[in-house]
Amino acid sequence: MNLHEINSGIKRFKKIKRRGRGIGSGHGKTSTRGHKGQFGRSGVSFHPAFQGGSMPLVRRIPKRGFNNKFALIVGEINVGRLDACFEAGATVTPATLKEQAVLKHPYKILKILGNGEITKPLKVSAHRFSQSAKEKIEKAGGQATLLPNKKPVVKNKMRPLKKKSAAAAKK
């Protein structure tokens, strides 16, 4: 094969199948539907997981695990990364982290972890701090400010009991 033969025989547009135009067309008579049966009729429909009457694979495979839709997504960042990304005296908040694209994935709560060293005084505001991270930030001359946490979802709150009327209480 030579370089000029690579694209030979390739057509830009595929010729359409002209169905139902007689036997001479190659797709005539039954119009590529075969003889009789469910697929020979108009309006054939079946479930996408249908496997010829056998139990579908999607129902045979065991289901495991649990996805908690109420779980808080925690964004984590180490103090060493904060030291590399911010200048001395800078204010670090979830908004500034998003502006500078330090933490790109979405999160609901920001936690500062203590891996690495911090040499600059930074004013860090986050929802959570590890003990070592808080100590390192304050040792470097910075401030660690706690932001208010998201309130957890309480599913089955008890309804307040109805007060009994005075007439019912006397009986």
Protein backbone atom coordinates (compact mmCIF):
# COMPACT_ATOMS: atom_id res chain seq x y z
CA MET A 1 0.00 0.00 0.00
CA ASN A 2 1.25 3.45 -0.89
CA LEU A 3 0.37 6.77 0.68
CA HIS A 4 -1.82 7.85 -2.22
CA GLU A 5 -3.91 4.65 -1.92
CA ILE A 6 -5.01 5.18 1.71
CA ASN A 7 -8.27 6.99 0.92
CA SER A 8 -9.06 5.28 -2.36
CA GLY A 9 -12.48 3.67 -2.45
CA ILE A 10 -13.82 5.73 0.46
CA LYS A 11 -17.03 7.54 -0.43
CA ARG A 12 -18.10 10.68 1.37
CA PHE A 13 -21.82 9.87 1.58
CA LYS A 14 -23.31 6.42 2.07
CA LYS A 15 -25.98 5.42 -0.46
CA ILE A 16 -29.38 5.11 1.26
CA LYS A 17 -31.37 1.86 1.27
CA ARG A 18 -34.51 2.38 -0.85
CA ARG A 19 -36.88 -0.08 0.79
CA GLY A 20 -40.18 -1.26 -0.64
CA ARG A 21 -39.41 -0.35 -4.25
CA GLY A 22 -39.77 -3.81 -5.80
CA ILE A 23 -37.69 -6.97 -5.93
CA GLY A 24 -35.16 -5.48 -8.34
CA SER A 25 -34.03 -2.91 -5.77
CA GLY A 26 -32.49 -5.57 -3.52
CA HIS A 27 -34.66 -4.38 -0.61
CA GLY A 28 -38.06 -5.05 -2.08
CA LYS A 29 -40.95 -7.43 -1.28
CA THR A 30 -40.61 -7.68 2.54
CA SER A 31 -38.53 -4.46 2.75
CA THR A 32 -35.70 -6.05 4.84
CA ARG A 33 -38.18 -7.15 7.55
CA GLY A 34 -38.09 -10.88 6.88
CA HIS A 35 -41.23 -13.07 6.78
CA LYS A 36 -44.08 -12.50 9.22
CA GLY A 37 -43.49 -12.45 12.98
CA GLN A 38 -43.27 -9.57 15.45
CA PHE A 39 -40.55 -7.72 13.58
CA GLY A 40 -42.37 -8.00 10.27
CA ARG A 41 -45.26 -5.88 11.58
CA SER A 42 -45.49 -2.14 11.99
CA GLY A 43 -45.31 -0.69 15.50
CA VAL A 44 -42.95 -3.27 16.99
CA SER A 45 -41.83 -2.31 20.50
CA PHE A 46 -40.26 -4.11 23.42
CA HIS A 47 -38.38 -3.21 26.60
CA PRO A 48 -34.70 -2.37 25.99
CA ALA A 49 -33.62 -4.95 28.63
CA PHE A 50 -35.71 -7.74 27.04
CA GLN A 51 -33.58 -10.82 26.30
CA GLY A 52 -35.86 -13.24 24.55
CA GLY A 53 -37.81 -14.35 27.60
CA SER A 54 -34.79 -15.16 29.79
CA MET A 55 -34.17 -13.14 32.95
CA PRO A 56 -32.46 -9.89 31.85
CA LEU A 57 -28.85 -9.34 32.86
CA VAL A 58 -29.81 -6.15 34.66
CA ARG A 59 -32.05 -8.19 36.99
CA ARG A 60 -29.65 -11.14 37.39
CA ILE A 61 -26.70 -9.11 38.72
CA PRO A 62 -26.78 -8.45 42.49
CA LYS A 63 -27.23 -4.84 43.55
CA ARG A 64 -24.82 -3.63 46.22
CA GLY A 65 -23.91 -0.37 47.88
CA PHE A 66 -25.73 2.73 48.98
CA ASN A 67 -25.63 6.30 47.73
CA ASN A 68 -26.57 8.80 50.42
CA LYS A 69 -28.17 11.77 48.67
CA PHE A 70 -28.05 13.78 51.91
CA ALA A 71 -24.28 13.39 52.38
CA LEU A 72 -22.21 16.57 52.42
CA ILE A 73 -19.49 16.80 49.78
CA VAL A 74 -16.31 17.93 51.53
CA GLY A 75 -13.60 19.76 49.61
CA GLU A 76 -10.19 19.21 51.21
CA ILE A 77 -6.98 21.20 50.82
CA ASN A 78 -3.68 20.98 52.67
CA VAL A 79 -1.89 23.92 54.28
CA GLY A 80 1.15 23.24 52.08
CA ARG A 81 -0.95 23.90 48.99
CA LEU A 82 -2.35 27.10 50.50
CA ASP A 83 1.23 28.27 51.16
CA ALA A 84 2.14 27.66 47.50
CA CYS A 85 -0.97 29.29 46.02
CA PHE A 86 -1.40 32.46 48.11
CA GLU A 87 0.78 35.47 48.99
CA ALA A 88 1.55 36.50 52.57
CA GLY A 89 -1.38 38.24 54.29
CA ALA A 90 -3.95 36.97 51.78
CA THR A 91 -7.48 35.99 52.79
CA VAL A 92 -8.40 32.41 51.90
CA THR A 93 -12.12 31.63 51.59
CA PRO A 94 -14.11 29.15 49.50
CA ALA A 95 -14.80 32.02 47.06
CA THR A 96 -11.11 32.89 46.60
CA LEU A 97 -10.26 29.22 46.10
CA LYS A 98 -12.88 29.07 43.34
CA GLU A 99 -11.64 32.31 41.71
CA GLN A 100 -8.05 31.09 41.54
CA ALA A 101 -9.18 27.58 40.45
CA VAL A 102 -7.31 25.90 43.32
CA LEU A 103 -10.23 23.55 44.08
CA LYS A 104 -12.09 22.91 40.83
CA HIS A 105 -14.55 20.16 41.80
CA PRO A 106 -17.85 21.17 43.46
CA TYR A 107 -18.12 20.87 47.23
CA LYS A 108 -20.47 22.03 50.00
CA ILE A 109 -18.04 22.15 52.93
CA LEU A 110 -14.37 23.17 52.89
CA LYS A 111 -11.91 21.42 55.21
CA ILE A 112 -8.30 22.48 55.73
CA LEU A 113 -5.89 19.60 56.39
CA GLY A 114 -2.47 19.80 58.02
CA ASN A 115 -0.20 18.12 55.45
CA GLY A 116 2.78 20.26 54.43
CA GLU A 117 4.34 23.38 55.91
CA ILE A 118 3.05 26.95 55.96
CA THR A 119 5.48 29.86 56.19
CA LYS A 120 3.24 32.84 55.41
CA PRO A 121 0.60 34.44 57.64
CA LEU A 122 -2.77 33.76 55.99
CA LYS A 123 -6.32 34.54 57.08
CA VAL A 124 -8.09 31.25 56.38
CA SER A 125 -11.87 30.87 56.59
CA ALA A 126 -13.29 27.36 56.24
CA HIS A 127 -16.08 25.15 57.57
CA ARG A 128 -13.70 22.68 59.22
CA PHE A 129 -10.03 22.52 60.27
CA SER A 130 -7.94 19.57 61.34
CA GLN A 131 -6.18 20.16 64.66
CA SER A 132 -2.71 20.16 63.07
CA ALA A 133 -3.82 22.57 60.32
CA LYS A 134 -5.19 25.07 62.85
CA GLU A 135 -1.96 24.89 64.87
CA LYS A 136 0.25 25.40 61.80
CA ILE A 137 -1.77 28.40 60.54
CA GLU A 138 -1.67 30.11 63.94
CA LYS A 139 2.03 29.28 64.42
CA ALA A 140 2.82 31.01 61.10
CA GLY A 141 1.03 34.15 62.36
CA GLY A 142 -2.25 33.67 60.52
CA GLN A 143 -5.87 33.29 61.57
CA ALA A 144 -8.17 30.27 61.29
CA THR A 145 -11.83 31.34 61.18
CA LEU A 146 -14.68 28.83 61.28
CA LEU A 147 -17.54 29.39 58.83
CA PRO A 148 -21.02 28.20 59.84
CA ASN A 149 -21.60 24.59 58.81
CA LYS A 150 -24.53 23.44 56.72
CA LYS A 151 -27.27 22.10 58.95
CA PRO A 152 -27.80 18.33 58.63
CA VAL A 153 -31.08 17.08 57.20
CA VAL A 154 -33.34 15.53 59.84
CA LYS A 155 -35.68 13.16 58.08
CA ASN A 156 -38.31 12.06 60.59
CA LYS A 157 -39.03 15.07 62.75
CA MET A 158 -41.76 14.44 65.27
CA ARG A 159 -44.78 16.64 64.82
CA PRO A 160 -45.74 18.68 67.88
CA LEU A 161 -48.52 16.99 69.79
CA LYS A 162 -51.93 18.64 69.62
CA LYS A 163 -53.07 20.22 72.86
CA LYS A 164 -56.10 18.59 74.36
CA SER A 165 -59.13 20.74 74.82
CA ALA A 166 -60.23 21.59 78.38
CA ALA A 167 -63.47 19.62 77.97
CA ALA A 168 -61.65 16.47 76.88
CA ALA A 169 -59.14 16.75 79.74
CA LYS A 170 -61.92 16.77 82.41
CA LYS A 171 -63.40 13.44 81.25
